Amino acid sequence: MVEDINTVDRIEELAEAPGIDGFYIGPADLAMSIGVAPMNYLKSARHAEACQKVLDISKSHGLITGIQCKSPEEVVQRINQGFMLCNAVNDVSAIMAGANAALQTVLGARP
């Protein structure tokens, strides 16, 4: 799990370690480690460079690279970027979608 910029700085060394199959980036935690607000990581050039470095080194070693995504749109972006493992739904978005659907049903049933 890559959640700190110090891990990114050592990613080449880690990629060469025996038994490593790949890396999975936690973008919100990574953002916090570089002083970026977790919800703003998609707007940060430094964050994008860190993620790209992990992806490039991982690919050069034949490893799997994944990243936690906050929306289906980000999944498409990340797959196109070259990431191999991207979630289309996470716990927060699933709860929010379910709560919103329930609210819409209740509001639609009111007289």
Protein backbone atom coordinates (compact mmCIF):
# COMPACT_ATOMS: atom_id res chain seq x y z
CA MET A 1 0.00 0.00 0.00
CA VAL A 2 1.48 3.31 -1.06
CA GLU A 3 0.08 6.03 1.20
CA ASP A 4 3.10 8.21 1.97
CA ILE A 5 5.48 10.22 -0.19
CA ASN A 6 8.41 8.53 1.58
CA THR A 7 7.20 5.22 0.13
CA VAL A 8 7.06 6.77 -3.34
CA ASP A 9 10.65 7.96 -2.87
CA ARG A 10 11.71 4.32 -2.25
CA ILE A 11 9.42 2.65 -4.80
CA GLU A 12 12.28 1.43 -7.02
CA GLU A 13 13.90 -0.33 -4.08
CA LEU A 14 10.57 -1.83 -3.02
CA ALA A 15 9.81 -3.01 -6.56
CA GLU A 16 12.99 -5.06 -6.52
CA ALA A 17 12.17 -6.80 -3.23
CA PRO A 18 11.47 -10.53 -3.53
CA GLY A 19 7.79 -11.50 -3.31
CA ILE A 20 6.33 -8.12 -4.30
CA ASP A 21 3.45 -8.55 -6.75
CA GLY A 22 2.47 -4.91 -7.06
CA PHE A 23 1.45 -1.68 -5.42
CA TYR A 24 -1.88 -0.15 -4.49
CA ILE A 25 -2.05 3.61 -4.00
CA GLY A 26 -4.21 5.20 -1.32
CA PRO A 27 -4.51 8.64 -2.93
CA ALA A 28 -6.12 10.53 -0.04
CA ASP A 29 -3.46 9.46 2.46
CA LEU A 30 -0.74 10.10 -0.12
CA ALA A 31 -2.17 13.58 -0.64
CA MET A 32 -2.05 14.33 3.07
CA SER A 33 1.58 13.23 3.22
CA ILE A 34 2.49 15.93 0.67
CA GLY A 35 0.32 18.63 2.19
CA VAL A 36 -2.64 18.37 -0.20
CA ALA A 37 -6.22 18.20 1.06
CA PRO A 38 -7.48 14.63 0.50
CA MET A 39 -10.48 15.75 -1.57
CA ASN A 40 -8.24 17.86 -3.86
CA TYR A 41 -5.70 15.24 -4.91
CA LEU A 42 -6.91 15.19 -8.53
CA LYS A 43 -5.94 18.88 -8.83
CA SER A 44 -2.37 18.44 -7.53
CA ALA A 45 0.51 18.17 -10.01
CA ARG A 46 2.81 16.82 -7.29
CA HIS A 47 0.29 14.11 -6.43
CA ALA A 48 -0.11 13.20 -10.11
CA GLU A 49 3.68 12.94 -10.49
CA ALA A 50 3.93 10.67 -7.44
CA CYS A 51 1.20 8.36 -8.75
CA GLN A 52 2.80 8.28 -12.20
CA LYS A 53 6.18 7.40 -10.67
CA VAL A 54 4.66 4.43 -8.85
CA LEU A 55 2.89 3.34 -12.03
CA ASP A 56 5.99 3.67 -14.24
CA ILE A 57 8.33 1.82 -11.88
CA SER A 58 5.75 -0.86 -11.21
CA LYS A 59 5.25 -1.43 -14.95
CA SER A 60 9.00 -1.52 -15.57
CA HIS A 61 9.23 -4.40 -13.08
CA GLY A 62 6.19 -6.24 -14.44
CA LEU A 63 4.15 -5.57 -11.30
CA ILE A 64 0.44 -4.89 -10.86
CA THR A 65 -0.47 -1.31 -10.01
CA GLY A 66 -3.78 -0.27 -8.46
CA ILE A 67 -5.27 2.89 -7.04
CA GLN A 68 -8.28 3.65 -4.87
CA CYS A 69 -10.77 5.69 -6.91
CA LYS A 70 -13.57 7.91 -5.70
CA SER A 71 -15.84 7.63 -8.73
CA PRO A 72 -16.50 5.53 -11.83
CA GLU A 73 -15.22 8.46 -13.90
CA GLU A 74 -11.90 8.31 -12.07
CA VAL A 75 -11.75 4.56 -12.72
CA VAL A 76 -11.98 5.21 -16.47
CA GLN A 77 -9.27 7.87 -16.21
CA ARG A 78 -6.97 5.60 -14.20
CA ILE A 79 -7.48 2.56 -16.45
CA ASN A 80 -6.63 4.76 -19.45
CA GLN A 81 -3.55 5.95 -17.55
CA GLY A 82 -2.39 2.34 -17.20
CA PHE A 83 -3.52 1.28 -13.73
CA MET A 84 -4.65 -2.34 -13.61
CA LEU A 85 -6.71 -2.48 -10.41
CA CYS A 86 -9.25 0.27 -9.76
CA ASN A 87 -12.38 0.08 -7.66
CA ALA A 88 -15.55 1.50 -9.20
CA VAL A 89 -17.29 1.84 -5.83
CA ASN A 90 -15.99 2.36 -2.33
CA ASP A 91 -17.69 2.23 1.05
CA VAL A 92 -18.44 5.94 1.28
CA SER A 93 -19.84 6.24 -2.26
CA ALA A 94 -21.95 3.09 -1.80
CA ILE A 95 -23.47 4.38 1.44
CA MET A 96 -24.11 7.80 -0.09
CA ALA A 97 -25.75 6.29 -3.19
CA GLY A 98 -27.97 4.04 -1.08
CA ALA A 99 -28.95 6.87 1.25
CA ASN A 100 -29.71 9.14 -1.69
CA ALA A 101 -31.86 6.49 -3.39
CA ALA A 102 -33.80 5.94 -0.18
CA LEU A 103 -34.30 9.67 0.28
CA GLN A 104 -35.55 10.08 -3.29
CA THR A 105 -38.04 7.24 -2.78
CA VAL A 106 -39.34 8.81 0.42
CA LEU A 107 -39.54 12.28 -1.10
CA GLY A 108 -41.27 10.92 -4.20
CA ALA A 109 -43.90 9.13 -2.10
CA ARG A 110 -44.96 12.21 -0.16
CA PRO A 111 -48.43 13.57 -0.93
